[in-house]
C-alpha atoms as a PDB file:
ATOM      1  CA  MET A   1      65.807 120.955   7.251  1.00  0.00           C
ATOM      2  CA  GLU A   2      64.982 124.646   7.246  1.00  0.00           C
ATOM      3  CA  LEU A   3      61.352 125.691   6.813  1.00  0.00           C
ATOM      4  CA  ASP A   4      61.538 127.013   3.272  1.00  0.00           C
ATOM      5  CA  GLU A   5      63.506 123.934   2.263  1.00  0.00           C
ATOM      6  CA  ARG A   6      60.766 121.687   3.730  1.00  0.00           C
ATOM      7  CA  VAL A   7      58.042 123.785   2.070  1.00  0.00           C
ATOM      8  CA  ARG A   8      59.814 123.510  -1.253  1.00  0.00           C
ATOM      9  CA  ALA A   9      60.112 119.758  -0.833  1.00  0.00           C
ATOM     10  CA  GLU A  10      56.387 119.479  -0.002  1.00  0.00           C
ATOM     11  CA  LEU A  11      55.492 121.635  -3.036  1.00  0.00           C
ATOM     12  CA  ASP A  12      57.691 119.426  -5.190  1.00  0.00           C
ATOM     13  CA  GLU A  13      55.816 116.316  -3.989  1.00  0.00           C
ATOM     14  CA  LEU A  14      52.583 118.086  -4.977  1.00  0.00           C
ATOM     15  CA  GLY A  15      53.984 118.779  -8.431  1.00  0.00           C
ATOM     16  CA  LEU A  16      54.468 122.558  -7.773  1.00  0.00           C
ATOM     17  CA  ASP A  17      57.523 124.747  -7.853  1.00  0.00           C
ATOM     18  CA  GLU A  18      58.417 128.388  -7.351  1.00  0.00           C
ATOM     19  CA  ASP A  19      56.709 129.300 -10.572  1.00  0.00           C
ATOM     20  CA  THR A  20      53.513 127.377 -10.045  1.00  0.00           C
ATOM     21  CA  TYR A  21      52.979 127.324  -6.270  1.00  0.00           C
ATOM     22  CA  ARG A  22      50.206 130.007  -6.329  1.00  0.00           C
ATOM     23  CA  ALA A  23      47.946 127.377  -7.964  1.00  0.00           C
ATOM     24  CA  ILE A  24      47.688 125.849  -4.512  1.00  0.00           C
ATOM     25  CA  LEU A  25      45.122 128.577  -3.749  1.00  0.00           C
ATOM     26  CA  LEU A  26      42.794 126.864  -6.242  1.00  0.00           C
ATOM     27  CA  LEU A  27      43.061 123.337  -4.819  1.00  0.00           C
ATOM     28  CA  PRO A  28      40.201 123.727  -2.277  1.00  0.00           C
ATOM     29  CA  LEU A  29      37.985 124.962  -5.138  1.00  0.00           C
ATOM     30  CA  VAL A  30      38.935 121.927  -7.203  1.00  0.00           C
ATOM     31  CA  GLU A  31      38.228 119.719  -4.198  1.00  0.00           C
ATOM     32  CA  VAL A  32      34.644 121.077  -3.957  1.00  0.00           C
ATOM     33  CA  ALA A  33      34.111 120.745  -7.625  1.00  0.00           C
ATOM     34  CA  TRP A  34      35.028 117.039  -7.514  1.00  0.00           C
ATOM     35  CA  VAL A  35      32.519 116.212  -4.720  1.00  0.00           C
ATOM     36  CA  ASP A  36      29.994 114.832  -7.146  1.00  0.00           C
ATOM     37  CA  ASP A  37      32.655 112.887  -9.036  1.00  0.00           C
ATOM     38  CA  VAL A  38      32.553 115.099 -12.177  1.00  0.00           C
ATOM     39  CA  ILE A  39      33.696 118.591 -12.949  1.00  0.00           C
ATOM     40  CA  GLN A  40      30.790 120.515 -14.400  1.00  0.00           C
ATOM     41  CA  PRO A  41      31.677 122.995 -17.228  1.00  0.00           C
ATOM     42  CA  ARG A  42      30.504 125.938 -15.075  1.00  0.00           C
ATOM     43  CA  GLU A  43      32.697 124.796 -12.140  1.00  0.00           C
ATOM     44  CA  ARG A  44      35.693 124.504 -14.477  1.00  0.00           C
ATOM     45  CA  GLU A  45      35.002 127.995 -15.924  1.00  0.00           C
ATOM     46  CA  ALA A  46      34.530 129.494 -12.407  1.00  0.00           C
ATOM     47  CA  ILE A  47      37.826 127.955 -11.123  1.00  0.00           C
ATOM     48  CA  LEU A  48      39.847 129.030 -14.152  1.00  0.00           C
ATOM     49  CA  GLY A  49      38.181 132.466 -14.050  1.00  0.00           C
ATOM     50  CA  TYR A  50      39.116 132.866 -10.425  1.00  0.00           C
ATOM     51  CA  GLY A  51      42.712 131.903 -11.215  1.00  0.00           C
ATOM     52  CA  GLU A  52      42.899 134.330 -14.122  1.00  0.00           C
ATOM     53  CA  GLY A  53      41.231 137.103 -12.204  1.00  0.00           C
ATOM     54  CA  ASN A  54      43.626 136.725  -9.271  1.00  0.00           C
ATOM     55  CA  ALA A  55      46.803 136.329 -11.378  1.00  0.00           C
ATOM     56  CA  LEU A  56      47.461 132.799 -10.119  1.00  0.00           C
ATOM     57  CA  PHE A  57      48.572 131.382 -13.441  1.00  0.00           C
ATOM     58  CA  ALA A  58      52.210 132.333 -13.584  1.00  0.00           C
ATOM     59  CA  GLY A  59      54.581 129.800 -15.159  1.00  0.00           C
ATOM     60  CA  GLY A  60      52.839 126.518 -15.762  1.00  0.00           C
ATOM     61  CA  ALA A  61      50.274 126.954 -12.982  1.00  0.00           C
ATOM     62  CA  ARG A  62      47.280 126.874 -15.362  1.00  0.00           C
ATOM     63  CA  ALA A  63      48.415 123.468 -16.699  1.00  0.00           C
ATOM     64  CA  VAL A  64      48.728 122.166 -13.129  1.00  0.00           C
ATOM     65  CA  VAL A  65      45.112 123.312 -12.356  1.00  0.00           C
ATOM     66  CA  GLU A  66      43.788 121.844 -15.634  1.00  0.00           C
ATOM     67  CA  GLY A  67      45.423 118.579 -14.594  1.00  0.00           C
ATOM     68  CA  TRP A  68      43.568 118.622 -11.288  1.00  0.00           C
ATOM     69  CA  LEU A  69      40.350 119.374 -13.179  1.00  0.00           C
ATOM     70  CA  SER A  70      40.950 116.521 -15.664  1.00  0.00           C
ATOM     71  CA  GLU A  71      41.994 113.858 -13.163  1.00  0.00           C
ATOM     72  CA  ARG A  72      40.801 113.869  -9.582  1.00  0.00           C
ATOM     73  CA  PRO A  73      43.591 114.068  -6.995  1.00  0.00           C
ATOM     74  CA  GLU A  74      43.548 111.594  -4.095  1.00  0.00           C
ATOM     75  CA  PRO A  75      41.974 112.743  -0.838  1.00  0.00           C
ATOM     76  CA  SER A  76      45.478 112.773   0.818  1.00  0.00           C
ATOM     77  CA  TYR A  77      46.644 115.154  -1.908  1.00  0.00           C
ATOM     78  CA  PHE A  78      43.842 117.607  -1.127  1.00  0.00           C
ATOM     79  CA  ALA A  79      44.671 117.382   2.630  1.00  0.00           C
ATOM     80  CA  ARG A  80      48.419 117.988   2.040  1.00  0.00           C
ATOM     81  CA  GLY A  81      47.538 120.822  -0.294  1.00  0.00           C
ATOM     82  CA  ARG A  82      45.414 122.574   2.355  1.00  0.00           C
ATOM     83  CA  ALA A  83      48.145 122.199   4.920  1.00  0.00           C
ATOM     84  CA  ILE A  84      50.888 123.687   2.676  1.00  0.00           C
ATOM     85  CA  LEU A  85      48.463 126.455   1.597  1.00  0.00           C
ATOM     86  CA  VAL A  86      48.007 127.581   5.157  1.00  0.00           C
ATOM     87  CA  GLU A  87      51.727 127.183   5.856  1.00  0.00           C
ATOM     88  CA  LEU A  88      52.563 129.264   2.840  1.00  0.00           C
ATOM     89  CA  ALA A  89      50.156 131.997   4.027  1.00  0.00           C
ATOM     90  CA  HIS A  90      51.386 132.070   7.587  1.00  0.00           C
ATOM     91  CA  THR A  91      54.958 131.100   8.067  1.00  0.00           C
ATOM     92  CA  THR A  92      57.201 131.185   5.038  1.00  0.00           C
ATOM     93  CA  GLU A  93      59.411 133.722   3.544  1.00  0.00           C
ATOM     94  CA  GLY A  94      60.547 133.684  -0.071  1.00  0.00           C
ATOM     95  CA  PHE A  95      57.055 132.893  -1.384  1.00  0.00           C
ATOM     96  CA  GLU A  96      55.371 136.237  -2.132  1.00  0.00           C
ATOM     97  CA  GLY A  97      51.757 136.837  -2.726  1.00  0.00           C
ATOM     98  CA  LEU A  98      50.078 134.538  -0.234  1.00  0.00           C
ATOM     99  CA  ASP A  99      48.666 135.811   3.025  1.00  0.00           C
ATOM    100  CA  PRO A 100      45.940 134.696   5.432  1.00  0.00           C
ATOM    101  CA  ALA A 101      43.362 136.836   3.650  1.00  0.00           C
ATOM    102  CA  HIS A 102      43.945 134.779   0.474  1.00  0.00           C
ATOM    103  CA  VAL A 103      43.143 131.603   2.368  1.00  0.00           C
ATOM    104  CA  ASP A 104      39.947 133.100   3.805  1.00  0.00           C
ATOM    105  CA  ASP A 105      38.919 134.300   0.372  1.00  0.00           C
ATOM    106  CA  VAL A 106      39.503 130.884  -1.170  1.00  0.00           C
ATOM    107  CA  VAL A 107      37.420 129.093   1.484  1.00  0.00           C
ATOM    108  CA  ALA A 108      34.644 131.606   0.897  1.00  0.00           C
ATOM    109  CA  HIS A 109      34.916 131.124  -2.879  1.00  0.00           C
ATOM    110  CA  CYS A 110      34.373 127.366  -2.421  1.00  0.00           C
ATOM    111  CA  GLU A 111      30.662 128.259  -1.991  1.00  0.00           C
ATOM    112  CA  VAL A 112      30.704 130.077  -5.354  1.00  0.00           C
ATOM    113  CA  ILE A 113      32.152 126.953  -7.029  1.00  0.00           C
ATOM    114  CA  ALA A 114      29.492 124.754  -5.456  1.00  0.00           C
ATOM    115  CA  GLU A 115      26.704 127.056  -6.601  1.00  0.00           C
ATOM    116  CA  SER A 116      28.130 127.411 -10.081  1.00  0.00           C
ATOM    117  CA  ALA A 117      27.037 123.913 -11.160  1.00  0.00           C
ATOM    118  CA  GLY A 118      23.455 125.001 -11.146  1.00  0.00           C
ATOM    119  CA  GLY A 119      20.709 122.986  -9.375  1.00  0.00           C
ATOM    120  CA  LEU A 120      17.054 122.995 -10.008  1.00  0.00           C
ATOM    121  CA  PHE A 121      16.423 125.673 -12.629  1.00  0.00           C
ATOM    122  CA  ASP A 122      19.751 127.235 -11.559  1.00  0.00           C
ATOM    123  CA  ARG A 123      17.919 128.721  -8.556  1.00  0.00           C
ATOM    124  CA  PHE A 124      17.122 126.008  -6.040  1.00  0.00           C
ATOM    125  CA  PHE A 125      19.339 123.413  -4.352  1.00  0.00           C
ATOM    126  CA  THR A 126      22.364 124.830  -6.068  1.00  0.00           C
ATOM    127  CA  THR A 127      24.689 123.496  -3.388  1.00  0.00           C
ATOM    128  CA  SER A 128      24.334 119.812  -2.508  1.00  0.00           C
ATOM    129  CA  ASP A 129      24.666 118.489   1.028  1.00  0.00           C
ATOM    130  CA  ALA A 130      27.875 116.734   0.052  1.00  0.00           C
ATOM    131  CA  GLU A 131      29.302 120.034  -1.235  1.00  0.00           C
ATOM    132  CA  LYS A 132      28.263 121.835   1.946  1.00  0.00           C
ATOM    133  CA  GLU A 133      29.967 119.120   3.999  1.00  0.00           C
ATOM    134  CA  ALA A 134      33.185 119.368   1.881  1.00  0.00           C
ATOM    135  CA  ILE A 135      33.198 123.172   2.293  1.00  0.00           C
ATOM    136  CA  ARG A 136      32.662 122.781   6.048  1.00  0.00           C
ATOM    137  CA  GLN A 137      35.529 120.244   6.298  1.00  0.00           C
ATOM    138  CA  ILE A 138      37.842 122.526   4.298  1.00  0.00           C
ATOM    139  CA  ALA A 139      36.930 125.504   6.515  1.00  0.00           C
ATOM    140  CA  VAL A 140      37.455 123.541   9.726  1.00  0.00           C
ATOM    141  CA  HIS A 141      40.756 122.043   8.520  1.00  0.00           C
ATOM    142  CA  VAL A 142      42.069 125.408   7.316  1.00  0.00           C
ATOM    143  CA  GLY A 143      40.800 127.062  10.492  1.00  0.00           C
ATOM    144  CA  ARG A 144      42.593 124.525  12.668  1.00  0.00           C
ATOM    145  CA  LEU A 145      45.805 124.927  10.682  1.00  0.00           C
ATOM    146  CA  THR A 146      45.516 128.693  10.739  1.00  0.00           C
ATOM    147  CA  THR A 147      45.146 128.634  14.574  1.00  0.00           C
ATOM    148  CA  TYR A 148      48.136 126.314  14.824  1.00  0.00           C
ATOM    149  CA  TYR A 149      50.408 128.488  12.618  1.00  0.00           C
ATOM    150  CA  THR A 150      49.406 131.775  14.184  1.00  0.00           C
ATOM    151  CA  SER A 151      49.942 130.461  17.741  1.00  0.00           C
ATOM    152  CA  ARG A 152      53.574 129.411  17.020  1.00  0.00           C
END
């Protein structure tokens, strides 16, 4: 199976297609938002705002993201999503608009999502230890994948 065919098959398994695949950039943000088992209104607004501001909602992509925000995806779904995100950014043709800088930006924006839920008086302890660990794991996983794809 050729690369783009395999990528399309993987996207299909994730419920994404050529019109909605850019939503995959928001999956790490959704993962961080779900760390405390509930999506806070500010987290939801921040994720949807990031999607709108970065023109990620072509086709039915917004509905896909709202589905992720309504019902928590399985951990394996998040891991597969991270892998395909990095692959889309590094190795595929025919999928425009994703590059390694987008992946780096999304990982950095995970911190914004974690902080958006507030904390003590919206000033202290805005990012929980669990959120910090989730962001660290996402960054490590994406970094390992990035190294793998750029060394091929």
